[in-house]
């Protein structure tokens, strides 16, 4: 477990990664009802609107599902906002992980 936590801290140091812990005290987030998902945003071409709409990607045992209707995307954006609101900040999350590493260090 300690090696895995150290790896998380190493990855969190990358400029494209944000590591945030969801405390147990926050209670179950809306995401507990949705399962895992990915919000896909597509780049704009030369300042114009993207040619592809924001899309929700869901994977399951028999395949994948892509949702791009505005109401579907809005529902998952709401779930993501809930997670962001409940999660600890990056510095606090890294501090918590570091304290767990120190607690379990051999």
PDB file of N, CA and C in Angstrom:
ATOM      1  N   UNK A   1       0.825  -1.188   0.000  1.00  0.00           N
ATOM      2  CA  UNK A   1       0.000   0.000   0.000  1.00  0.00           C
ATOM      3  C   UNK A   1       0.876   1.261   0.000  1.00  0.00           C
ATOM      4  N   UNK A   2       1.958   1.231   0.754  1.00  0.00           N
ATOM      5  CA  UNK A   2       2.833   2.397   0.836  1.00  0.00           C
ATOM      6  C   UNK A   2       3.420   2.727  -0.539  1.00  0.00           C
ATOM      7  N   UNK A   3       3.842   1.701  -1.273  1.00  0.00           N
ATOM      8  CA  UNK A   3       4.385   1.938  -2.622  1.00  0.00           C
ATOM      9  C   UNK A   3       3.330   2.561  -3.539  1.00  0.00           C
ATOM     10  N   UNK A   4       2.110   2.099  -3.424  1.00  0.00           N
ATOM     11  CA  UNK A   4       1.033   2.653  -4.244  1.00  0.00           C
ATOM     12  C   UNK A   4       0.771   4.115  -3.887  1.00  0.00           C
ATOM     13  N   UNK A   5       0.772   4.426  -2.605  1.00  0.00           N
ATOM     14  CA  UNK A   5       0.547   5.806  -2.181  1.00  0.00           C
ATOM     15  C   UNK A   5       1.689   6.708  -2.623  1.00  0.00           C
ATOM     16  N   UNK A   6       2.921   6.217  -2.544  1.00  0.00           N
ATOM     17  CA  UNK A   6       4.063   7.002  -3.031  1.00  0.00           C
ATOM     18  C   UNK A   6       3.933   7.254  -4.537  1.00  0.00           C
ATOM     19  N   UNK A   7       3.487   6.238  -5.246  1.00  0.00           N
ATOM     20  CA  UNK A   7       3.292   6.396  -6.691  1.00  0.00           C
ATOM     21  C   UNK A   7       2.237   7.472  -6.964  1.00  0.00           C
ATOM     22  N   UNK A   8       1.164   7.478  -6.198  1.00  0.00           N
ATOM     23  CA  UNK A   8       0.146   8.525  -6.357  1.00  0.00           C
ATOM     24  C   UNK A   8       0.755   9.912  -6.174  1.00  0.00           C
ATOM     25  N   UNK A   9       1.599  10.066  -5.163  1.00  0.00           N
ATOM     26  CA  UNK A   9       2.242  11.369  -4.942  1.00  0.00           C
ATOM     27  C   UNK A   9       3.174  11.725  -6.099  1.00  0.00           C
ATOM     28  N   UNK A  10       3.889  10.737  -6.641  1.00  0.00           N
ATOM     29  CA  UNK A  10       4.768  10.991  -7.787  1.00  0.00           C
ATOM     30  C   UNK A  10       3.952  11.461  -8.991  1.00  0.00           C
ATOM     31  N   UNK A  11       2.853  10.786  -9.242  1.00  0.00           N
ATOM     32  CA  UNK A  11       1.998  11.146 -10.381  1.00  0.00           C
ATOM     33  C   UNK A  11       1.367  12.519 -10.152  1.00  0.00           C
ATOM     34  N   UNK A  12       1.005  12.808  -8.900  1.00  0.00           N
ATOM     35  CA  UNK A  12       0.387  14.099  -8.580  1.00  0.00           C
ATOM     36  C   UNK A  12       1.328  15.268  -8.847  1.00  0.00           C
ATOM     37  N   UNK A  13       2.617  15.001  -8.894  1.00  0.00           N
ATOM     38  CA  UNK A  13       3.594  16.063  -9.163  1.00  0.00           C
ATOM     39  C   UNK A  13       3.613  16.465 -10.639  1.00  0.00           C
ATOM     40  N   UNK A  14       3.005  15.658 -11.492  1.00  0.00           N
ATOM     41  CA  UNK A  14       2.957  15.992 -12.918  1.00  0.00           C
ATOM     42  C   UNK A  14       2.047  17.203 -13.137  1.00  0.00           C
ATOM     43  N   UNK A  15       2.380  18.047 -14.099  1.00  0.00           N
ATOM     44  CA  UNK A  15       1.589  19.268 -14.305  1.00  0.00           C
ATOM     45  C   UNK A  15       0.160  19.029 -14.804  1.00  0.00           C
ATOM     46  N   UNK A  16      -0.100  17.853 -15.330  1.00  0.00           N
ATOM     47  CA  UNK A  16      -1.431  17.574 -15.885  1.00  0.00           C
ATOM     48  C   UNK A  16      -2.309  16.742 -14.949  1.00  0.00           C
ATOM     49  N   UNK A  17      -1.844  16.557 -13.706  1.00  0.00           N
ATOM     50  CA  UNK A  17      -2.571  15.700 -12.770  1.00  0.00           C
ATOM     51  C   UNK A  17      -2.977  16.490 -11.540  1.00  0.00           C
ATOM     52  N   UNK A  18      -4.207  16.285 -11.119  1.00  0.00           N
ATOM     53  CA  UNK A  18      -4.711  16.865  -9.883  1.00  0.00           C
ATOM     54  C   UNK A  18      -5.208  15.718  -9.011  1.00  0.00           C
ATOM     55  N   UNK A  19      -4.573  15.525  -7.873  1.00  0.00           N
ATOM     56  CA  UNK A  19      -4.941  14.451  -6.962  1.00  0.00           C
ATOM     57  C   UNK A  19      -5.716  15.036  -5.787  1.00  0.00           C
ATOM     58  N   UNK A  20      -6.938  14.561  -5.623  1.00  0.00           N
ATOM     59  CA  UNK A  20      -7.782  15.056  -4.533  1.00  0.00           C
ATOM     60  C   UNK A  20      -8.485  13.867  -3.889  1.00  0.00           C
ATOM     61  N   UNK A  21      -8.458  13.839  -2.567  1.00  0.00           N
ATOM     62  CA  UNK A  21      -9.048  12.745  -1.796  1.00  0.00           C
ATOM     63  C   UNK A  21     -10.473  13.114  -1.396  1.00  0.00           C
ATOM     64  N   UNK A  22     -11.349  12.146  -1.488  1.00  0.00           N
ATOM     65  CA  UNK A  22     -12.724  12.320  -1.047  1.00  0.00           C
ATOM     66  C   UNK A  22     -12.830  11.732   0.357  1.00  0.00           C
ATOM     67  N   UNK A  23     -12.934  12.581   1.384  1.00  0.00           N
ATOM     68  CA  UNK A  23     -12.976  12.077   2.762  1.00  0.00           C
ATOM     69  C   UNK A  23     -14.225  11.231   3.023  1.00  0.00           C
ATOM     70  N   UNK A  24     -14.070  10.204   3.849  1.00  0.00           N
ATOM     71  CA  UNK A  24     -15.214   9.379   4.209  1.00  0.00           C
ATOM     72  C   UNK A  24     -16.291  10.205   4.899  1.00  0.00           C
ATOM     73  N   UNK A  25     -15.873  11.208   5.638  1.00  0.00           N
ATOM     74  CA  UNK A  25     -16.826  12.046   6.363  1.00  0.00           C
ATOM     75  C   UNK A  25     -17.752  12.820   5.433  1.00  0.00           C
ATOM     76  N   UNK A  26     -17.371  12.937   4.161  1.00  0.00           N
ATOM     77  CA  UNK A  26     -18.206  13.666   3.194  1.00  0.00           C
ATOM     78  C   UNK A  26     -19.481  12.901   2.863  1.00  0.00           C
ATOM     79  N   UNK A  27     -19.487  11.604   3.185  1.00  0.00           N
ATOM     80  CA  UNK A  27     -20.659  10.797   2.858  1.00  0.00           C
ATOM     81  C   UNK A  27     -20.639  10.388   1.405  1.00  0.00           C
ATOM     82  N   UNK A  28     -21.617   9.591   1.000  1.00  0.00           N
ATOM     83  CA  UNK A  28     -21.616   9.112  -0.384  1.00  0.00           C
ATOM     84  C   UNK A  28     -21.929  10.227  -1.378  1.00  0.00           C
ATOM     85  N   UNK A  29     -21.079  10.396  -2.372  1.00  0.00           N
ATOM     86  CA  UNK A  29     -21.336  11.419  -3.386  1.00  0.00           C
ATOM     87  C   UNK A  29     -22.360  10.909  -4.403  1.00  0.00           C
ATOM     88  N   UNK A  30     -22.850  11.819  -5.231  1.00  0.00           N
ATOM     89  CA  UNK A  30     -23.749  11.419  -6.318  1.00  0.00           C
ATOM     90  C   UNK A  30     -23.101  10.381  -7.221  1.00  0.00           C
ATOM     91  N   UNK A  31     -21.784  10.427  -7.332  1.00  0.00           N
ATOM     92  CA  UNK A  31     -21.062   9.494  -8.200  1.00  0.00           C
ATOM     93  C   UNK A  31     -21.235   8.045  -7.754  1.00  0.00           C
ATOM     94  N   UNK A  32     -21.592   7.831  -6.498  1.00  0.00           N
ATOM     95  CA  UNK A  32     -21.793   6.453  -6.043  1.00  0.00           C
ATOM     96  C   UNK A  32     -22.984   5.817  -6.756  1.00  0.00           C
ATOM     97  N   UNK A  33     -23.841   6.633  -7.312  1.00  0.00           N
ATOM     98  CA  UNK A  33     -24.994   6.119  -8.049  1.00  0.00           C
ATOM     99  C   UNK A  33     -24.707   5.961  -9.539  1.00  0.00           C
ATOM    100  N   UNK A  34     -23.678   6.647 -10.052  1.00  0.00           N
ATOM    101  CA  UNK A  34     -23.408   6.618 -11.484  1.00  0.00           C
ATOM    102  C   UNK A  34     -22.336   5.629 -11.888  1.00  0.00           C
ATOM    103  N   UNK A  35     -21.445   5.304 -10.978  1.00  0.00           N
ATOM    104  CA  UNK A  35     -20.290   4.499 -11.351  1.00  0.00           C
ATOM    105  C   UNK A  35     -19.257   5.375 -12.040  1.00  0.00           C
ATOM    106  N   UNK A  36     -18.251   4.761 -12.625  1.00  0.00           N
ATOM    107  CA  UNK A  36     -17.185   5.542 -13.252  1.00  0.00           C
ATOM    108  C   UNK A  36     -17.636   6.092 -14.607  1.00  0.00           C
ATOM    109  N   UNK A  37     -17.120   7.262 -14.903  1.00  0.00           N
ATOM    110  CA  UNK A  37     -17.428   7.910 -16.179  1.00  0.00           C
ATOM    111  C   UNK A  37     -16.312   8.868 -16.523  1.00  0.00           C
ATOM    112  N   UNK A  38     -16.249   9.233 -17.789  1.00  0.00           N
ATOM    113  CA  UNK A  38     -15.270  10.206 -18.264  1.00  0.00           C
ATOM    114  C   UNK A  38     -16.021  11.274 -19.042  1.00  0.00           C
ATOM    115  N   UNK A  39     -15.734  12.534 -18.728  1.00  0.00           N
ATOM    116  CA  UNK A  39     -16.276  13.652 -19.508  1.00  0.00           C
ATOM    117  C   UNK A  39     -15.238  14.007 -20.566  1.00  0.00           C
ATOM    118  N   UNK A  40     -15.626  13.908 -21.817  1.00  0.00           N
ATOM    119  CA  UNK A  40     -14.719  14.199 -22.922  1.00  0.00           C
ATOM    120  C   UNK A  40     -15.045  15.562 -23.517  1.00  0.00           C
ATOM    121  N   UNK A  41     -14.088  16.472 -23.445  1.00  0.00           N
ATOM    122  CA  UNK A  41     -14.204  17.765 -24.112  1.00  0.00           C
ATOM    123  C   UNK A  41     -13.235  17.755 -25.280  1.00  0.00           C
ATOM    124  N   UNK A  42     -13.641  18.319 -26.386  1.00  0.00           N
ATOM    125  CA  UNK A  42     -12.829  18.289 -27.590  1.00  0.00           C
ATOM    126  C   UNK A  42     -12.283  19.681 -27.886  1.00  0.00           C
ATOM    127  N   UNK A  43     -11.070  19.733 -28.430  1.00  0.00           N
ATOM    128  CA  UNK A  43     -10.447  21.037 -28.688  1.00  0.00           C
ATOM    129  C   UNK A  43     -11.182  21.840 -29.754  1.00  0.00           C
ATOM    130  N   UNK A  44     -11.045  23.139 -29.616  1.00  0.00           N
ATOM    131  CA  UNK A  44     -11.609  24.044 -30.616  1.00  0.00           C
ATOM    132  C   UNK A  44     -10.586  24.233 -31.727  1.00  0.00           C
ATOM    133  N   UNK A  45     -11.071  24.446 -32.920  1.00  0.00           N
ATOM    134  CA  UNK A  45     -10.181  24.662 -34.057  1.00  0.00           C
ATOM    135  C   UNK A  45     -10.107  26.152 -34.374  1.00  0.00           C
ATOM    136  N   UNK A  46      -8.935  26.738 -34.189  1.00  0.00           N
ATOM    137  CA  UNK A  46      -8.683  28.139 -34.550  1.00  0.00           C
ATOM    138  C   UNK A  46      -9.739  29.092 -33.993  1.00  0.00           C
ATOM    139  N   UNK A  47     -10.065  28.954 -32.704  1.00  0.00           N
ATOM    140  CA  UNK A  47     -10.979  29.881 -32.058  1.00  0.00           C
ATOM    141  C   UNK A  47     -12.446  29.631 -32.333  1.00  0.00           C
ATOM    142  N   UNK A  48     -12.758  28.657 -33.147  1.00  0.00           N
ATOM    143  CA  UNK A  48     -14.159  28.340 -33.436  1.00  0.00           C
ATOM    144  C   UNK A  48     -14.666  27.326 -32.420  1.00  0.00           C
ATOM    145  N   UNK A  49     -15.958  27.158 -32.386  1.00  0.00           N
ATOM    146  CA  UNK A  49     -16.550  26.157 -31.502  1.00  0.00           C
ATOM    147  C   UNK A  49     -16.088  24.767 -31.925  1.00  0.00           C
ATOM    148  N   UNK A  50     -16.011  23.870 -30.963  1.00  0.00           N
ATOM    149  CA  UNK A  50     -15.611  22.498 -31.247  1.00  0.00           C
ATOM    150  C   UNK A  50     -16.596  21.850 -32.208  1.00  0.00           C
ATOM    151  N   UNK A  51     -16.079  21.004 -33.070  1.00  0.00           N
ATOM    152  CA  UNK A  51     -16.954  20.297 -34.002  1.00  0.00           C
ATOM    153  C   UNK A  51     -17.640  19.112 -33.331  1.00  0.00           C
ATOM    154  N   UNK A  52     -17.136  18.721 -32.177  1.00  0.00           N
ATOM    155  CA  UNK A  52     -17.717  17.606 -31.427  1.00  0.00           C
ATOM    156  C   UNK A  52     -18.279  18.116 -30.102  1.00  0.00           C
ATOM    157  N   UNK A  53     -19.447  17.647 -29.718  1.00  0.00           N
ATOM    158  CA  UNK A  53     -20.012  18.092 -28.439  1.00  0.00           C
ATOM    159  C   UNK A  53     -19.313  17.397 -27.264  1.00  0.00           C
ATOM    160  N   UNK A  54     -19.387  18.011 -26.091  1.00  0.00           N
ATOM    161  CA  UNK A  54     -18.921  17.337 -24.890  1.00  0.00           C
ATOM    162  C   UNK A  54     -19.668  16.009 -24.796  1.00  0.00           C
ATOM    163  N   UNK A  55     -18.930  14.956 -24.463  1.00  0.00           N
ATOM    164  CA  UNK A  55     -19.494  13.612 -24.472  1.00  0.00           C
ATOM    165  C   UNK A  55     -19.153  12.897 -23.169  1.00  0.00           C
ATOM    166  N   UNK A  56     -20.110  12.134 -22.652  1.00  0.00           N
ATOM    167  CA  UNK A  56     -19.879  11.298 -21.479  1.00  0.00           C
ATOM    168  C   UNK A  56     -19.579   9.892 -21.983  1.00  0.00           C
ATOM    169  N   UNK A  57     -18.473   9.330 -21.493  1.00  0.00           N
ATOM    170  CA  UNK A  57     -18.084   7.974 -21.872  1.00  0.00           C
ATOM    171  C   UNK A  57     -18.298   7.066 -20.667  1.00  0.00           C
ATOM    172  N   UNK A  58     -19.096   6.024 -20.866  1.00  0.00           N
ATOM    173  CA  UNK A  58     -19.371   5.038 -19.826  1.00  0.00           C
ATOM    174  C   UNK A  58     -18.962   3.669 -20.358  1.00  0.00           C
ATOM    175  N   UNK A  59     -18.259   2.920 -19.538  1.00  0.00           N
ATOM    176  CA  UNK A  59     -17.822   1.591 -19.935  1.00  0.00           C
ATOM    177  C   UNK A  59     -18.493   0.556 -19.040  1.00  0.00           C
ATOM    178  N   UNK A  60     -18.911  -0.554 -19.628  1.00  0.00           N
ATOM    179  CA  UNK A  60     -19.504  -1.613 -18.817  1.00  0.00           C
ATOM    180  C   UNK A  60     -19.038  -2.967 -19.325  1.00  0.00           C
ATOM    181  N   UNK A  61     -19.559  -4.020 -18.781  1.00  0.00           N
ATOM    182  CA  UNK A  61     -19.079  -5.364 -19.079  1.00  0.00           C
ATOM    183  C   UNK A  61     -19.300  -5.785 -20.533  1.00  0.00           C
ATOM    184  N   UNK A  62     -20.275  -5.217 -21.198  1.00  0.00           N
ATOM    185  CA  UNK A  62     -20.565  -5.624 -22.575  1.00  0.00           C
ATOM    186  C   UNK A  62     -20.168  -4.597 -23.628  1.00  0.00           C
ATOM    187  N   UNK A  63     -19.614  -3.474 -23.214  1.00  0.00           N
ATOM    188  CA  UNK A  63     -19.228  -2.469 -24.199  1.00  0.00           C
ATOM    189  C   UNK A  63     -19.135  -1.083 -23.588  1.00  0.00           C
ATOM    190  N   UNK A  64     -19.369  -0.089 -24.411  1.00  0.00           N
ATOM    191  CA  UNK A  64     -19.261   1.294 -23.975  1.00  0.00           C
ATOM    192  C   UNK A  64     -20.472   2.080 -24.461  1.00  0.00           C
ATOM    193  N   UNK A  65     -20.714   3.174 -23.776  1.00  0.00           N
ATOM    194  CA  UNK A  65     -21.840   4.036 -24.117  1.00  0.00           C
ATOM    195  C   UNK A  65     -21.322   5.463 -24.196  1.00  0.00           C
ATOM    196  N   UNK A  66     -21.715   6.175 -25.228  1.00  0.00           N
ATOM    197  CA  UNK A  66     -21.341   7.577 -25.413  1.00  0.00           C
ATOM    198  C   UNK A  66     -22.616   8.409 -25.362  1.00  0.00           C
ATOM    199  N   UNK A  67     -22.664   9.357 -24.431  1.00  0.00           N
ATOM    200  CA  UNK A  67     -23.835  10.223 -24.287  1.00  0.00           C
ATOM    201  C   UNK A  67     -23.433  11.642 -24.655  1.00  0.00           C
ATOM    202  N   UNK A  68     -24.188  12.268 -25.561  1.00  0.00           N
ATOM    203  CA  UNK A  68     -23.835  13.639 -25.932  1.00  0.00           C
ATOM    204  C   UNK A  68     -25.026  14.590 -25.966  1.00  0.00           C
ATOM    205  N   UNK A  69     -26.181  14.127 -25.553  1.00  0.00           N
ATOM    206  CA  UNK A  69     -27.331  15.035 -25.474  1.00  0.00           C
ATOM    207  C   UNK A  69     -27.089  16.010 -24.318  1.00  0.00           C
ATOM    208  N   UNK A  70     -27.410  17.277 -24.514  1.00  0.00           N
ATOM    209  CA  UNK A  70     -27.131  18.275 -23.477  1.00  0.00           C
ATOM    210  C   UNK A  70     -27.664  17.910 -22.085  1.00  0.00           C
ATOM    211  N   UNK A  71     -28.843  17.333 -21.998  1.00  0.00           N
ATOM    212  CA  UNK A  71     -29.387  16.980 -20.675  1.00  0.00           C
ATOM    213  C   UNK A  71     -28.597  15.839 -20.036  1.00  0.00           C
ATOM    214  N   UNK A  72     -28.128  14.903 -20.856  1.00  0.00           N
ATOM    215  CA  UNK A  72     -27.325  13.796 -20.331  1.00  0.00           C
ATOM    216  C   UNK A  72     -25.980  14.317 -19.825  1.00  0.00           C
ATOM    217  N   UNK A  73     -25.340  15.143 -20.623  1.00  0.00           N
ATOM    218  CA  UNK A  73     -24.046  15.707 -20.244  1.00  0.00           C
ATOM    219  C   UNK A  73     -24.202  16.560 -18.980  1.00  0.00           C
ATOM    220  N   UNK A  74     -25.256  17.352 -18.910  1.00  0.00           N
ATOM    221  CA  UNK A  74     -25.488  18.212 -17.745  1.00  0.00           C
ATOM    222  C   UNK A  74     -25.630  17.393 -16.470  1.00  0.00           C
ATOM    223  N   UNK A  75     -26.279  16.246 -16.551  1.00  0.00           N
ATOM    224  CA  UNK A  75     -26.443  15.392 -15.365  1.00  0.00           C
ATOM    225  C   UNK A  75     -25.081  14.926 -14.847  1.00  0.00           C
ATOM    226  N   UNK A  76     -24.188  14.525 -15.754  1.00  0.00           N
ATOM    227  CA  UNK A  76     -22.870  14.049 -15.331  1.00  0.00           C
ATOM    228  C   UNK A  76     -21.965  15.207 -14.917  1.00  0.00           C
ATOM    229  N   UNK A  77     -22.137  16.371 -15.519  1.00  0.00           N
ATOM    230  CA  UNK A  77     -21.390  17.552 -15.063  1.00  0.00           C
ATOM    231  C   UNK A  77     -21.802  17.915 -13.638  1.00  0.00           C
ATOM    232  N   UNK A  78     -23.062  17.722 -13.304  1.00  0.00           N
ATOM    233  CA  UNK A  78     -23.543  17.961 -11.946  1.00  0.00           C
ATOM    234  C   UNK A  78     -22.886  16.983 -10.964  1.00  0.00           C
ATOM    235  N   UNK A  79     -22.779  15.728 -11.367  1.00  0.00           N
ATOM    236  CA  UNK A  79     -22.115  14.726 -10.530  1.00  0.00           C
ATOM    237  C   UNK A  79     -20.658  15.111 -10.313  1.00  0.00           C
ATOM    238  N   UNK A  80     -19.984  15.548 -11.388  1.00  0.00           N
ATOM    239  CA  UNK A  80     -18.580  15.960 -11.277  1.00  0.00           C
ATOM    240  C   UNK A  80     -18.438  17.161 -10.342  1.00  0.00           C
ATOM    241  N   UNK A  81     -19.325  18.111 -10.455  1.00  0.00           N
ATOM    242  CA  UNK A  81     -19.295  19.288  -9.577  1.00  0.00           C
ATOM    243  C   UNK A  81     -19.457  18.887  -8.123  1.00  0.00           C
ATOM    244  N   UNK A  82     -20.324  17.906  -7.878  1.00  0.00           N
ATOM    245  CA  UNK A  82     -20.518  17.401  -6.524  1.00  0.00           C
ATOM    246  C   UNK A  82     -19.229  16.800  -5.981  1.00  0.00           C
ATOM    247  N   UNK A  83     -18.538  16.018  -6.801  1.00  0.00           N
ATOM    248  CA  UNK A  83     -17.264  15.432  -6.381  1.00  0.00           C
ATOM    249  C   UNK A  83     -16.234  16.513  -6.064  1.00  0.00           C
ATOM    250  N   UNK A  84     -16.154  17.510  -6.931  1.00  0.00           N
ATOM    251  CA  UNK A  84     -15.201  18.604  -6.707  1.00  0.00           C
ATOM    252  C   UNK A  84     -15.494  19.353  -5.414  1.00  0.00           C
ATOM    253  N   UNK A  85     -16.776  19.547  -5.128  1.00  0.00           N
ATOM    254  CA  UNK A  85     -17.160  20.281  -3.920  1.00  0.00           C
ATOM    255  C   UNK A  85     -16.841  19.489  -2.653  1.00  0.00           C
ATOM    256  N   UNK A  86     -16.954  18.174  -2.707  1.00  0.00           N
ATOM    257  CA  UNK A  86     -16.748  17.337  -1.529  1.00  0.00           C
ATOM    258  C   UNK A  86     -15.283  16.979  -1.286  1.00  0.00           C
ATOM    259  N   UNK A  87     -14.477  16.955  -2.335  1.00  0.00           N
ATOM    260  CA  UNK A  87     -13.087  16.506  -2.219  1.00  0.00           C
ATOM    261  C   UNK A  87     -12.220  17.545  -1.514  1.00  0.00           C
ATOM    262  N   UNK A  88     -11.224  17.038  -0.806  1.00  0.00           N
ATOM    263  CA  UNK A  88     -10.234  17.913  -0.185  1.00  0.00           C
ATOM    264  C   UNK A  88      -9.393  18.560  -1.276  1.00  0.00           C
ATOM    265  N   UNK A  89      -8.770  19.677  -0.954  1.00  0.00           N
ATOM    266  CA  UNK A  89      -7.885  20.342  -1.908  1.00  0.00           C
ATOM    267  C   UNK A  89      -6.640  19.507  -2.174  1.00  0.00           C
ATOM    268  N   UNK A  90      -5.885  19.884  -3.186  1.00  0.00           N
ATOM    269  CA  UNK A  90      -4.689  19.123  -3.558  1.00  0.00           C
ATOM    270  C   UNK A  90      -3.670  19.054  -2.428  1.00  0.00           C
ATOM    271  N   UNK A  91      -3.354  20.181  -1.822  1.00  0.00           N
ATOM    272  CA  UNK A  91      -2.351  20.203  -0.753  1.00  0.00           C
ATOM    273  C   UNK A  91      -2.807  19.362   0.442  1.00  0.00           C
ATOM    274  N   UNK A  92      -4.061  19.505   0.819  1.00  0.00           N
ATOM    275  CA  UNK A  92      -4.597  18.736   1.946  1.00  0.00           C
ATOM    276  C   UNK A  92      -4.614  17.240   1.624  1.00  0.00           C
ATOM    277  N   UNK A  93      -4.946  16.885   0.396  1.00  0.00           N
ATOM    278  CA  UNK A  93      -4.972  15.485  -0.019  1.00  0.00           C
ATOM    279  C   UNK A  93      -3.572  14.884   0.024  1.00  0.00           C
ATOM    280  N   UNK A  94      -2.585  15.613  -0.497  1.00  0.00           N
ATOM    281  CA  UNK A  94      -1.211  15.119  -0.472  1.00  0.00           C
ATOM    282  C   UNK A  94      -0.699  14.999   0.959  1.00  0.00           C
ATOM    283  N   UNK A  95      -1.090  15.924   1.815  1.00  0.00           N
ATOM    284  CA  UNK A  95      -0.699  15.855   3.225  1.00  0.00           C
ATOM    285  C   UNK A  95      -1.290  14.608   3.884  1.00  0.00           C
ATOM    286  N   UNK A  96      -2.536  14.306   3.601  1.00  0.00           N
ATOM    287  CA  UNK A  96      -3.183  13.116   4.150  1.00  0.00           C
ATOM    288  C   UNK A  96      -2.476  11.852   3.673  1.00  0.00           C
ATOM    289  N   UNK A  97      -2.180  11.774   2.393  1.00  0.00           N
ATOM    290  CA  UNK A  97      -1.501  10.600   1.850  1.00  0.00           C
ATOM    291  C   UNK A  97      -0.116  10.451   2.470  1.00  0.00           C
ATOM    292  N   UNK A  98       0.605  11.554   2.629  1.00  0.00           N
ATOM    293  CA  UNK A  98       1.923  11.525   3.252  1.00  0.00           C
ATOM    294  C   UNK A  98       1.832  11.027   4.688  1.00  0.00           C
ATOM    295  N   UNK A  99       0.815  11.467   5.418  1.00  0.00           N
ATOM    296  CA  UNK A  99       0.678  11.027   6.814  1.00  0.00           C
ATOM    297  C   UNK A  99       0.377   9.531   6.888  1.00  0.00           C
ATOM    298  N   UNK A 100      -0.383   9.014   5.937  1.00  0.00           N
ATOM    299  CA  UNK A 100      -0.668   7.573   5.915  1.00  0.00           C
ATOM    300  C   UNK A 100       0.608   6.794   5.597  1.00  0.00           C
ATOM    301  N   UNK A 101       1.411   7.317   4.685  1.00  0.00           N
ATOM    302  CA  UNK A 101       2.696   6.678   4.348  1.00  0.00           C
ATOM    303  C   UNK A 101       3.573   6.626   5.587  1.00  0.00           C
ATOM    304  N   UNK A 102       3.680   7.747   6.295  1.00  0.00           N
ATOM    305  CA  UNK A 102       4.519   7.806   7.498  1.00  0.00           C
ATOM    306  C   UNK A 102       4.010   6.854   8.578  1.00  0.00           C
ATOM    307  N   UNK A 103       2.715   6.728   8.679  1.00  0.00           N
ATOM    308  CA  UNK A 103       2.101   5.846   9.673  1.00  0.00           C
ATOM    309  C   UNK A 103       2.410   4.378   9.396  1.00  0.00           C
ATOM    310  N   UNK A 104       2.504   4.017   8.126  1.00  0.00           N
ATOM    311  CA  UNK A 104       2.693   2.610   7.742  1.00  0.00           C
ATOM    312  C   UNK A 104       4.099   2.292   7.255  1.00  0.00           C
ATOM    313  N   UNK A 105       4.998   3.258   7.376  1.00  0.00           N
ATOM    314  CA  UNK A 105       6.372   3.048   6.908  1.00  0.00           C
ATOM    315  C   UNK A 105       7.049   2.009   7.797  1.00  0.00           C
ATOM    316  N   UNK A 106       7.839   1.127   7.147  1.00  0.00           N
ATOM    317  CA  UNK A 106       8.535   0.070   7.904  1.00  0.00           C
ATOM    318  C   UNK A 106       9.654   0.618   8.730  1.00  0.00           C
TER     319      UNK A 106
END
